[in-house]
Amino acid sequence: MSDSAFESLADSLLAALEEGIGAHADAELQGGILTVDGHDGTWVVNKHAPTRQIWLSSPQSGARHYAFDAASSQWKDTRGGPDLLAHLSAELGVSLEWRPS
């Protein structure tokens, strides 16, 4: 994946997350970093260009890294856990959707 393709996918994902979570919790996207303040603490989701991954810091599950899987159009956990949207949906109690543009 090219740098520009990663940036486009990551920016689209972060914007969709901000919109989807923002109706249920305090979510702010600034400079490629999404910060979500919830009852259990603060979640941080950011793009990491050198590895072409999305990184998550969660007060419930700790740090996780996600790489885009073109075959499924999902951000897959690099350690084999659930995809990013499923993981965040479960932790935050919201239904999240995203489609690559």
PDB file of N, CA and C in Angstrom:
ATOM      1  N   MET A   1       0.853  -1.164   0.000  1.00  0.00           N
ATOM      2  CA  MET A   1       0.000   0.000   0.000  1.00  0.00           C
ATOM      3  C   MET A   1       0.908   1.238   0.000  1.00  0.00           C
ATOM      4  N   SER A   2       0.561   2.190  -0.814  1.00  0.00           N
ATOM      5  CA  SER A   2       1.341   3.426  -0.889  1.00  0.00           C
ATOM      6  C   SER A   2       1.068   4.301   0.339  1.00  0.00           C
ATOM      7  N   ASP A   3       1.977   5.247   0.564  1.00  0.00           N
ATOM      8  CA  ASP A   3       1.789   6.185   1.681  1.00  0.00           C
ATOM      9  C   ASP A   3       0.487   6.959   1.536  1.00  0.00           C
ATOM     10  N   SER A   4       0.212   7.432   0.318  1.00  0.00           N
ATOM     11  CA  SER A   4      -1.005   8.229   0.114  1.00  0.00           C
ATOM     12  C   SER A   4      -2.266   7.382   0.287  1.00  0.00           C
ATOM     13  N   ALA A   5      -2.225   6.122  -0.128  1.00  0.00           N
ATOM     14  CA  ALA A   5      -3.380   5.235   0.053  1.00  0.00           C
ATOM     15  C   ALA A   5      -3.621   4.995   1.543  1.00  0.00           C
ATOM     16  N   PHE A   6      -2.542   4.760   2.302  1.00  0.00           N
ATOM     17  CA  PHE A   6      -2.686   4.577   3.750  1.00  0.00           C
ATOM     18  C   PHE A   6      -3.286   5.825   4.390  1.00  0.00           C
ATOM     19  N   GLU A   7      -2.747   6.989   4.060  1.00  0.00           N
ATOM     20  CA  GLU A   7      -3.235   8.245   4.641  1.00  0.00           C
ATOM     21  C   GLU A   7      -4.720   8.439   4.361  1.00  0.00           C
ATOM     22  N   SER A   8      -5.129   8.154   3.134  1.00  0.00           N
ATOM     23  CA  SER A   8      -6.528   8.307   2.749  1.00  0.00           C
ATOM     24  C   SER A   8      -7.433   7.350   3.540  1.00  0.00           C
ATOM     25  N   LEU A   9      -7.032   6.079   3.617  1.00  0.00           N
ATOM     26  CA  LEU A   9      -7.822   5.093   4.363  1.00  0.00           C
ATOM     27  C   LEU A   9      -7.876   5.445   5.849  1.00  0.00           C
ATOM     28  N   ALA A  10      -6.732   5.785   6.413  1.00  0.00           N
ATOM     29  CA  ALA A  10      -6.673   6.094   7.840  1.00  0.00           C
ATOM     30  C   ALA A  10      -7.492   7.337   8.173  1.00  0.00           C
ATOM     31  N   ASP A  11      -7.374   8.377   7.356  1.00  0.00           N
ATOM     32  CA  ASP A  11      -8.143   9.600   7.607  1.00  0.00           C
ATOM     33  C   ASP A  11      -9.640   9.337   7.510  1.00  0.00           C
ATOM     34  N   SER A  12     -10.041   8.539   6.519  1.00  0.00           N
ATOM     35  CA  SER A  12     -11.449   8.189   6.356  1.00  0.00           C
ATOM     36  C   SER A  12     -11.954   7.405   7.570  1.00  0.00           C
ATOM     37  N   LEU A  13     -11.160   6.463   8.043  1.00  0.00           N
ATOM     38  CA  LEU A  13     -11.529   5.672   9.216  1.00  0.00           C
ATOM     39  C   LEU A  13     -11.677   6.552  10.449  1.00  0.00           C
ATOM     40  N   LEU A  14     -10.684   7.381  10.719  1.00  0.00           N
ATOM     41  CA  LEU A  14     -10.728   8.221  11.917  1.00  0.00           C
ATOM     42  C   LEU A  14     -11.915   9.176  11.895  1.00  0.00           C
ATOM     43  N   ALA A  15     -12.229   9.734  10.732  1.00  0.00           N
ATOM     44  CA  ALA A  15     -13.389  10.626  10.612  1.00  0.00           C
ATOM     45  C   ALA A  15     -14.687   9.862  10.876  1.00  0.00           C
ATOM     46  N   ALA A  16     -14.789   8.645  10.356  1.00  0.00           N
ATOM     47  CA  ALA A  16     -15.992   7.831  10.573  1.00  0.00           C
ATOM     48  C   ALA A  16     -16.127   7.449  12.049  1.00  0.00           C
ATOM     49  N   LEU A  17     -14.998   7.136  12.694  1.00  0.00           N
ATOM     50  CA  LEU A  17     -15.034   6.810  14.120  1.00  0.00           C
ATOM     51  C   LEU A  17     -15.473   8.004  14.942  1.00  0.00           C
ATOM     52  N   GLU A  18     -14.931   9.185  14.626  1.00  0.00           N
ATOM     53  CA  GLU A  18     -15.328  10.383  15.363  1.00  0.00           C
ATOM     54  C   GLU A  18     -16.826  10.617  15.234  1.00  0.00           C
ATOM     55  N   GLU A  19     -17.337  10.474  14.032  1.00  0.00           N
ATOM     56  CA  GLU A  19     -18.770  10.686  13.805  1.00  0.00           C
ATOM     57  C   GLU A  19     -19.609   9.637  14.522  1.00  0.00           C
ATOM     58  N   GLY A  20     -19.220   8.371  14.411  1.00  0.00           N
ATOM     59  CA  GLY A  20     -19.995   7.289  15.022  1.00  0.00           C
ATOM     60  C   GLY A  20     -19.967   7.295  16.537  1.00  0.00           C
ATOM     61  N   ILE A  21     -18.811   7.620  17.112  1.00  0.00           N
ATOM     62  CA  ILE A  21     -18.666   7.628  18.566  1.00  0.00           C
ATOM     63  C   ILE A  21     -19.190   8.933  19.152  1.00  0.00           C
ATOM     64  N   GLY A  22     -19.048  10.028  18.410  1.00  0.00           N
ATOM     65  CA  GLY A  22     -19.401  11.358  18.903  1.00  0.00           C
ATOM     66  C   GLY A  22     -20.837  11.512  19.353  1.00  0.00           C
ATOM     67  N   ALA A  23     -21.734  10.699  18.842  1.00  0.00           N
ATOM     68  CA  ALA A  23     -23.138  10.767  19.262  1.00  0.00           C
ATOM     69  C   ALA A  23     -23.343  10.145  20.646  1.00  0.00           C
ATOM     70  N   HIS A  24     -22.329   9.378  21.122  1.00  0.00           N
ATOM     71  CA  HIS A  24     -22.481   8.633  22.375  1.00  0.00           C
ATOM     72  C   HIS A  24     -21.458   9.010  23.443  1.00  0.00           C
ATOM     73  N   ALA A  25     -20.372   9.632  23.032  1.00  0.00           N
ATOM     74  CA  ALA A  25     -19.295   9.975  23.974  1.00  0.00           C
ATOM     75  C   ALA A  25     -18.561  11.199  23.439  1.00  0.00           C
ATOM     76  N   ASP A  26     -17.729  11.775  24.262  1.00  0.00           N
ATOM     77  CA  ASP A  26     -16.933  12.929  23.862  1.00  0.00           C
ATOM     78  C   ASP A  26     -15.772  12.445  22.995  1.00  0.00           C
ATOM     79  N   ALA A  27     -15.838  12.716  21.694  1.00  0.00           N
ATOM     80  CA  ALA A  27     -14.812  12.276  20.748  1.00  0.00           C
ATOM     81  C   ALA A  27     -14.284  13.479  19.989  1.00  0.00           C
ATOM     82  N   GLU A  28     -12.952  13.581  19.907  1.00  0.00           N
ATOM     83  CA  GLU A  28     -12.331  14.710  19.209  1.00  0.00           C
ATOM     84  C   GLU A  28     -11.197  14.209  18.330  1.00  0.00           C
ATOM     85  N   LEU A  29     -11.255  14.572  17.057  1.00  0.00           N
ATOM     86  CA  LEU A  29     -10.218  14.219  16.090  1.00  0.00           C
ATOM     87  C   LEU A  29      -9.398  15.451  15.797  1.00  0.00           C
ATOM     88  N   GLN A  30      -8.101  15.349  16.048  1.00  0.00           N
ATOM     89  CA  GLN A  30      -7.214  16.478  15.804  1.00  0.00           C
ATOM     90  C   GLN A  30      -5.838  15.945  15.412  1.00  0.00           C
ATOM     91  N   GLY A  31      -5.356  16.379  14.242  1.00  0.00           N
ATOM     92  CA  GLY A  31      -4.026  15.999  13.793  1.00  0.00           C
ATOM     93  C   GLY A  31      -3.810  14.509  13.629  1.00  0.00           C
ATOM     94  N   GLY A  32      -4.831  13.790  13.190  1.00  0.00           N
ATOM     95  CA  GLY A  32      -4.700  12.351  12.985  1.00  0.00           C
ATOM     96  C   GLY A  32      -4.796  11.530  14.262  1.00  0.00           C
ATOM     97  N   ILE A  33      -5.248  12.147  15.347  1.00  0.00           N
ATOM     98  CA  ILE A  33      -5.394  11.460  16.627  1.00  0.00           C
ATOM     99  C   ILE A  33      -6.827  11.651  17.122  1.00  0.00           C
ATOM    100  N   LEU A  34      -7.508  10.541  17.341  1.00  0.00           N
ATOM    101  CA  LEU A  34      -8.867  10.568  17.871  1.00  0.00           C
ATOM    102  C   LEU A  34      -8.805  10.258  19.360  1.00  0.00           C
ATOM    103  N   THR A  35      -9.341  11.156  20.164  1.00  0.00           N
ATOM    104  CA  THR A  35      -9.396  10.973  21.607  1.00  0.00           C
ATOM    105  C   THR A  35     -10.858  10.830  22.020  1.00  0.00           C
ATOM    106  N   VAL A  36     -11.148   9.767  22.750  1.00  0.00           N
ATOM    107  CA  VAL A  36     -12.511   9.490  23.198  1.00  0.00           C
ATOM    108  C   VAL A  36     -12.507   9.416  24.719  1.00  0.00           C
ATOM    109  N   ASP A  37     -13.252  10.306  25.342  1.00  0.00           N
ATOM    110  CA  ASP A  37     -13.391  10.289  26.794  1.00  0.00           C
ATOM    111  C   ASP A  37     -14.685   9.579  27.144  1.00  0.00           C
ATOM    112  N   GLY A  38     -14.554   8.458  27.865  1.00  0.00           N
ATOM    113  CA  GLY A  38     -15.715   7.675  28.260  1.00  0.00           C
ATOM    114  C   GLY A  38     -15.760   7.491  29.761  1.00  0.00           C
ATOM    115  N   HIS A  39     -16.737   6.726  30.231  1.00  0.00           N
ATOM    116  CA  HIS A  39     -16.917   6.492  31.668  1.00  0.00           C
ATOM    117  C   HIS A  39     -15.722   5.759  32.279  1.00  0.00           C
ATOM    118  N   ASP A  40     -15.089   4.892  31.496  1.00  0.00           N
ATOM    119  CA  ASP A  40     -14.003   4.060  32.013  1.00  0.00           C
ATOM    120  C   ASP A  40     -12.616   4.646  31.770  1.00  0.00           C
ATOM    121  N   GLY A  41     -12.540   5.824  31.156  1.00  0.00           N
ATOM    122  CA  GLY A  41     -11.240   6.416  30.879  1.00  0.00           C
ATOM    123  C   GLY A  41     -11.174   7.005  29.480  1.00  0.00           C
ATOM    124  N   THR A  42      -9.966   7.087  28.957  1.00  0.00           N
ATOM    125  CA  THR A  42      -9.739   7.716  27.664  1.00  0.00           C
ATOM    126  C   THR A  42      -9.154   6.713  26.676  1.00  0.00           C
ATOM    127  N   TRP A  43      -9.771   6.649  25.502  1.00  0.00           N
ATOM    128  CA  TRP A  43      -9.280   5.848  24.394  1.00  0.00           C
ATOM    129  C   TRP A  43      -8.572   6.789  23.425  1.00  0.00           C
ATOM    130  N   VAL A  44      -7.472   6.331  22.857  1.00  0.00           N
ATOM    131  CA  VAL A  44      -6.766   7.103  21.843  1.00  0.00           C
ATOM    132  C   VAL A  44      -6.567   6.204  20.630  1.00  0.00           C
ATOM    133  N   VAL A  45      -7.006   6.698  19.468  1.00  0.00           N
ATOM    134  CA  VAL A  45      -6.841   5.976  18.209  1.00  0.00           C
ATOM    135  C   VAL A  45      -6.053   6.893  17.284  1.00  0.00           C
ATOM    136  N   ASN A  46      -4.942   6.396  16.771  1.00  0.00           N
ATOM    137  CA  ASN A  46      -4.151   7.241  15.878  1.00  0.00           C
ATOM    138  C   ASN A  46      -3.547   6.426  14.742  1.00  0.00           C
ATOM    139  N   LYS A  47      -3.233   7.142  13.683  1.00  0.00           N
ATOM    140  CA  LYS A  47      -2.576   6.497  12.553  1.00  0.00           C
ATOM    141  C   LYS A  47      -1.069   6.527  12.800  1.00  0.00           C
ATOM    142  N   HIS A  48      -0.413   5.447  12.417  1.00  0.00           N
ATOM    143  CA  HIS A  48       1.038   5.340  12.559  1.00  0.00           C
ATOM    144  C   HIS A  48       1.610   5.056  11.170  1.00  0.00           C
ATOM    145  N   ALA A  49       1.980   6.133  10.485  1.00  0.00           N
ATOM    146  CA  ALA A  49       2.402   6.049   9.083  1.00  0.00           C
ATOM    147  C   ALA A  49       3.616   5.149   8.841  1.00  0.00           C
ATOM    148  N   PRO A  50       4.654   5.162   9.702  1.00  0.00           N
ATOM    149  CA  PRO A  50       5.818   4.323   9.406  1.00  0.00           C
ATOM    150  C   PRO A  50       5.488   2.832   9.270  1.00  0.00           C
ATOM    151  N   THR A  51       4.504   2.354  10.046  1.00  0.00           N
ATOM    152  CA  THR A  51       4.125   0.942   9.965  1.00  0.00           C
ATOM    153  C   THR A  51       2.842   0.723   9.166  1.00  0.00           C
ATOM    154  N   ARG A  52       2.228   1.831   8.740  1.00  0.00           N
ATOM    155  CA  ARG A  52       0.926   1.794   8.040  1.00  0.00           C
ATOM    156  C   ARG A  52      -0.106   1.037   8.866  1.00  0.00           C
ATOM    157  N   GLN A  53      -0.171   1.406  10.127  1.00  0.00           N
ATOM    158  CA  GLN A  53      -1.106   0.793  11.058  1.00  0.00           C
ATOM    159  C   GLN A  53      -1.922   1.867  11.770  1.00  0.00           C
ATOM    160  N   ILE A  54      -3.038   1.404  12.347  1.00  0.00           N
ATOM    161  CA  ILE A  54      -3.826   2.207  13.271  1.00  0.00           C
ATOM    162  C   ILE A  54      -3.508   1.656  14.654  1.00  0.00           C
ATOM    163  N   TRP A  55      -3.180   2.555  15.572  1.00  0.00           N
ATOM    164  CA  TRP A  55      -2.854   2.151  16.930  1.00  0.00           C
ATOM    165  C   TRP A  55      -3.965   2.582  17.872  1.00  0.00           C
ATOM    166  N   LEU A  56      -4.295   1.711  18.808  1.00  0.00           N
ATOM    167  CA  LEU A  56      -5.323   1.966  19.804  1.00  0.00           C
ATOM    168  C   LEU A  56      -4.713   1.855  21.193  1.00  0.00           C
ATOM    169  N   SER A  57      -5.005   2.829  22.027  1.00  0.00           N
ATOM    170  CA  SER A  57      -4.695   2.756  23.441  1.00  0.00           C
ATOM    171  C   SER A  57      -6.029   2.778  24.170  1.00  0.00           C
ATOM    172  N   SER A  58      -6.296   1.709  24.909  1.00  0.00           N
ATOM    173  CA  SER A  58      -7.594   1.547  25.572  1.00  0.00           C
ATOM    174  C   SER A  58      -7.415   1.368  27.077  1.00  0.00           C
ATOM    175  N   PRO A  59      -8.265   2.025  27.878  1.00  0.00           N
ATOM    176  CA  PRO A  59      -8.193   1.815  29.321  1.00  0.00           C
ATOM    177  C   PRO A  59      -8.679   0.419  29.727  1.00  0.00           C
ATOM    178  N   GLN A  60      -9.364  -0.268  28.821  1.00  0.00           N
ATOM    179  CA  GLN A  60      -9.873  -1.606  29.130  1.00  0.00           C
ATOM    180  C   GLN A  60      -8.952  -2.718  28.651  1.00  0.00           C
ATOM    181  N   SER A  61      -8.387  -2.569  27.458  1.00  0.00           N
ATOM    182  CA  SER A  61      -7.621  -3.668  26.866  1.00  0.00           C
ATOM    183  C   SER A  61      -6.158  -3.340  26.572  1.00  0.00           C
ATOM    184  N   GLY A  62      -5.734  -2.125  26.868  1.00  0.00           N
ATOM    185  CA  GLY A  62      -4.334  -1.766  26.637  1.00  0.00           C
ATOM    186  C   GLY A  62      -4.064  -1.355  25.202  1.00  0.00           C
ATOM    187  N   ALA A  63      -2.831  -1.565  24.786  1.00  0.00           N
ATOM    188  CA  ALA A  63      -2.393  -1.142  23.451  1.00  0.00           C
ATOM    189  C   ALA A  63      -2.609  -2.253  22.424  1.00  0.00           C
ATOM    190  N   ARG A  64      -3.103  -1.842  21.255  1.00  0.00           N
ATOM    191  CA  ARG A  64      -3.305  -2.778  20.140  1.00  0.00           C
ATOM    192  C   ARG A  64      -2.938  -2.077  18.843  1.00  0.00           C
ATOM    193  N   HIS A  65      -2.520  -2.880  17.865  1.00  0.00           N
ATOM    194  CA  HIS A  65      -2.159  -2.355  16.546  1.00  0.00           C
ATOM    195  C   HIS A  65      -3.000  -3.061  15.493  1.00  0.00           C
ATOM    196  N   TYR A  66      -3.408  -2.290  14.485  1.00  0.00           N
ATOM    197  CA  TYR A  66      -4.280  -2.817  13.432  1.00  0.00           C
ATOM    198  C   TYR A  66      -3.705  -2.491  12.065  1.00  0.00           C
ATOM    199  N   ALA A  67      -3.689  -3.491  11.187  1.00  0.00           N
ATOM    200  CA  ALA A  67      -3.224  -3.315   9.810  1.00  0.00           C
ATOM    201  C   ALA A  67      -4.407  -3.537   8.878  1.00  0.00           C
ATOM    202  N   PHE A  68      -4.458  -2.769   7.794  1.00  0.00           N
ATOM    203  CA  PHE A  68      -5.577  -2.894   6.862  1.00  0.00           C
ATOM    204  C   PHE A  68      -5.443  -4.172   6.041  1.00  0.00           C
ATOM    205  N   ASP A  69      -6.524  -4.941   6.000  1.00  0.00           N
ATOM    206  CA  ASP A  69      -6.598  -6.161   5.207  1.00  0.00           C
ATOM    207  C   ASP A  69      -7.501  -5.880   4.006  1.00  0.00           C
ATOM    208  N   ALA A  70      -6.900  -5.765   2.834  1.00  0.00           N
ATOM    209  CA  ALA A  70      -7.650  -5.393   1.628  1.00  0.00           C
ATOM    210  C   ALA A  70      -8.705  -6.437   1.264  1.00  0.00           C
ATOM    211  N   ALA A  71      -8.435  -7.707   1.524  1.00  0.00           N
ATOM    212  CA  ALA A  71      -9.384  -8.763   1.161  1.00  0.00           C
ATOM    213  C   ALA A  71     -10.713  -8.617   1.904  1.00  0.00           C
ATOM    214  N   SER A  72     -10.653  -8.227   3.171  1.00  0.00           N
ATOM    215  CA  SER A  72     -11.878  -8.092   3.968  1.00  0.00           C
ATOM    216  C   SER A  72     -12.306  -6.637   4.162  1.00  0.00           C
ATOM    217  N   SER A  73     -11.453  -5.695   3.749  1.00  0.00           N
ATOM    218  CA  SER A  73     -11.679  -4.256   3.965  1.00  0.00           C
ATOM    219  C   SER A  73     -11.854  -3.934   5.447  1.00  0.00           C
ATOM    220  N   GLN A  74     -11.065  -4.617   6.283  1.00  0.00           N
ATOM    221  CA  GLN A  74     -11.114  -4.401   7.734  1.00  0.00           C
ATOM    222  C   GLN A  74      -9.722  -4.075   8.253  1.00  0.00           C
ATOM    223  N   TRP A  75      -9.702  -3.368   9.375  1.00  0.00           N
ATOM    224  CA  TRP A  75      -8.453  -3.124  10.099  1.00  0.00           C
ATOM    225  C   TRP A  75      -8.304  -4.265  11.094  1.00  0.00           C
ATOM    226  N   LYS A  76      -7.402  -5.209  10.787  1.00  0.00           N
ATOM    227  CA  LYS A  76      -7.231  -6.439  11.563  1.00  0.00           C
ATOM    228  C   LYS A  76      -6.181  -6.264  12.651  1.00  0.00           C
ATOM    229  N   ASP A  77      -6.484  -6.817  13.820  1.00  0.00           N
ATOM    230  CA  ASP A  77      -5.550  -6.816  14.940  1.00  0.00           C
ATOM    231  C   ASP A  77      -4.311  -7.624  14.544  1.00  0.00           C
ATOM    232  N   THR A  78      -3.143  -7.045  14.728  1.00  0.00           N
ATOM    233  CA  THR A  78      -1.910  -7.730  14.335  1.00  0.00           C
ATOM    234  C   THR A  78      -1.591  -8.910  15.251  1.00  0.00           C
ATOM    235  N   ARG A  79      -2.293  -9.016  16.380  1.00  0.00           N
ATOM    236  CA  ARG A  79      -2.108 -10.148  17.296  1.00  0.00           C
ATOM    237  C   ARG A  79      -3.264 -11.137  17.224  1.00  0.00           C
ATOM    238  N   GLY A  80      -4.135 -10.977  16.226  1.00  0.00           N
ATOM    239  CA  GLY A  80      -5.186 -11.955  15.995  1.00  0.00           C
ATOM    240  C   GLY A  80      -6.495 -11.730  16.728  1.00  0.00           C
ATOM    241  N   GLY A  81      -6.658 -10.596  17.374  1.00  0.00           N
ATOM    242  CA  GLY A  81      -7.918 -10.298  18.053  1.00  0.00           C
ATOM    243  C   GLY A  81      -8.961  -9.815  17.055  1.00  0.00           C
ATOM    244  N   PRO A  82     -10.076  -9.314  17.574  1.00  0.00           N
ATOM    245  CA  PRO A  82     -11.129  -8.813  16.682  1.00  0.00           C
ATOM    246  C   PRO A  82     -10.659  -7.591  15.900  1.00  0.00           C
ATOM    247  N   ASP A  83     -11.335  -7.332  14.783  1.00  0.00           N
ATOM    248  CA  ASP A  83     -10.987  -6.151  13.997  1.00  0.00           C
ATOM    249  C   ASP A  83     -11.283  -4.894  14.813  1.00  0.00           C
ATOM    250  N   LEU A  84     -10.720  -3.777  14.389  1.00  0.00           N
ATOM    251  CA  LEU A  84     -10.800  -2.536  15.150  1.00  0.00           C
ATOM    252  C   LEU A  84     -12.238  -2.109  15.429  1.00  0.00           C
ATOM    253  N   LEU A  85     -13.100  -2.122  14.422  1.00  0.00           N
ATOM    254  CA  LEU A  85     -14.473  -1.665  14.644  1.00  0.00           C
ATOM    255  C   LEU A  85     -15.212  -2.560  15.620  1.00  0.00           C
ATOM    256  N   ALA A  86     -15.040  -3.869  15.508  1.00  0.00           N
ATOM    257  CA  ALA A  86     -15.692  -4.795  16.435  1.00  0.00           C
ATOM    258  C   ALA A  86     -15.174  -4.574  17.855  1.00  0.00           C
ATOM    259  N   HIS A  87     -13.880  -4.369  17.978  1.00  0.00           N
ATOM    260  CA  HIS A  87     -13.263  -4.160  19.292  1.00  0.00           C
ATOM    261  C   HIS A  87     -13.779  -2.873  19.943  1.00  0.00           C
ATOM    262  N   LEU A  88     -13.717  -1.776  19.208  1.00  0.00           N
ATOM    263  CA  LEU A  88     -14.191  -0.500  19.752  1.00  0.00           C
ATOM    264  C   LEU A  88     -15.697  -0.526  20.027  1.00  0.00           C
ATOM    265  N   SER A  89     -16.453  -1.135  19.137  1.00  0.00           N
ATOM    266  CA  SER A  89     -17.899  -1.235  19.345  1.00  0.00           C
ATOM    267  C   SER A  89     -18.209  -1.936  20.660  1.00  0.00           C
ATOM    268  N   ALA A  90     -17.491  -3.028  20.937  1.00  0.00           N
ATOM    269  CA  ALA A  90     -17.726  -3.789  22.166  1.00  0.00           C
ATOM    270  C   ALA A  90     -17.323  -2.986  23.396  1.00  0.00           C
ATOM    271  N   GLU A  91     -16.172  -2.337  23.342  1.00  0.00           N
ATOM    272  CA  GLU A  91     -15.694  -1.600  24.518  1.00  0.00           C
ATOM    273  C   GLU A  91     -16.523  -0.346  24.804  1.00  0.00           C
ATOM    274  N   LEU A  92     -16.945   0.337  23.749  1.00  0.00           N
ATOM    275  CA  LEU A  92     -17.674   1.595  23.938  1.00  0.00           C
ATOM    276  C   LEU A  92     -19.187   1.419  23.963  1.00  0.00           C
ATOM    277  N   GLY A  93     -19.665   0.238  23.591  1.00  0.00           N
ATOM    278  CA  GLY A  93     -21.099  -0.015  23.594  1.00  0.00           C
ATOM    279  C   GLY A  93     -21.846   0.736  22.504  1.00  0.00           C
ATOM    280  N   VAL A  94     -21.184   0.943  21.355  1.00  0.00           N
ATOM    281  CA  VAL A  94     -21.812   1.620  20.221  1.00  0.00           C
ATOM    282  C   VAL A  94     -21.619   0.774  18.971  1.00  0.00           C
ATOM    283  N   SER A  95     -22.489   0.956  18.015  1.00  0.00           N
ATOM    284  CA  SER A  95     -22.366   0.262  16.738  1.00  0.00           C
ATOM    285  C   SER A  95     -21.579   1.154  15.779  1.00  0.00           C
ATOM    286  N   LEU A  96     -20.449   0.652  15.304  1.00  0.00           N
ATOM    287  CA  LEU A  96     -19.588   1.437  14.415  1.00  0.00           C
ATOM    288  C   LEU A  96     -19.499   0.788  13.051  1.00  0.00           C
ATOM    289  N   GLU A  97     -19.538   1.623  12.025  1.00  0.00           N
ATOM    290  CA  GLU A  97     -19.415   1.149  10.644  1.00  0.00           C
ATOM    291  C   GLU A  97     -18.440   2.039   9.896  1.00  0.00           C
ATOM    292  N   TRP A  98     -17.756   1.438   8.937  1.00  0.00           N
ATOM    293  CA  TRP A  98     -16.841   2.172   8.061  1.00  0.00           C
ATOM    294  C   TRP A  98     -16.646   1.376   6.789  1.00  0.00           C
ATOM    295  N   ARG A  99     -16.633   2.081   5.694  1.00  0.00           N
ATOM    296  CA  ARG A  99     -16.338   1.479   4.396  1.00  0.00           C
ATOM    297  C   ARG A  99     -15.220   2.280   3.755  1.00  0.00           C
ATOM    298  N   PRO A 100     -14.208   1.603   3.231  1.00  0.00           N
ATOM    299  CA  PRO A 100     -13.116   2.348   2.588  1.00  0.00           C
ATOM    300  C   PRO A 100     -13.631   3.140   1.396  1.00  0.00           C
ATOM    301  N   SER A 101     -13.095   4.347   1.253  1.00  0.00           N
ATOM    302  CA  SER A 101     -13.531   5.170   0.114  1.00  0.00           C
ATOM    303  C   SER A 101     -12.486   5.199  -0.966  1.00  0.00           C
TER     304      SER A 101
END
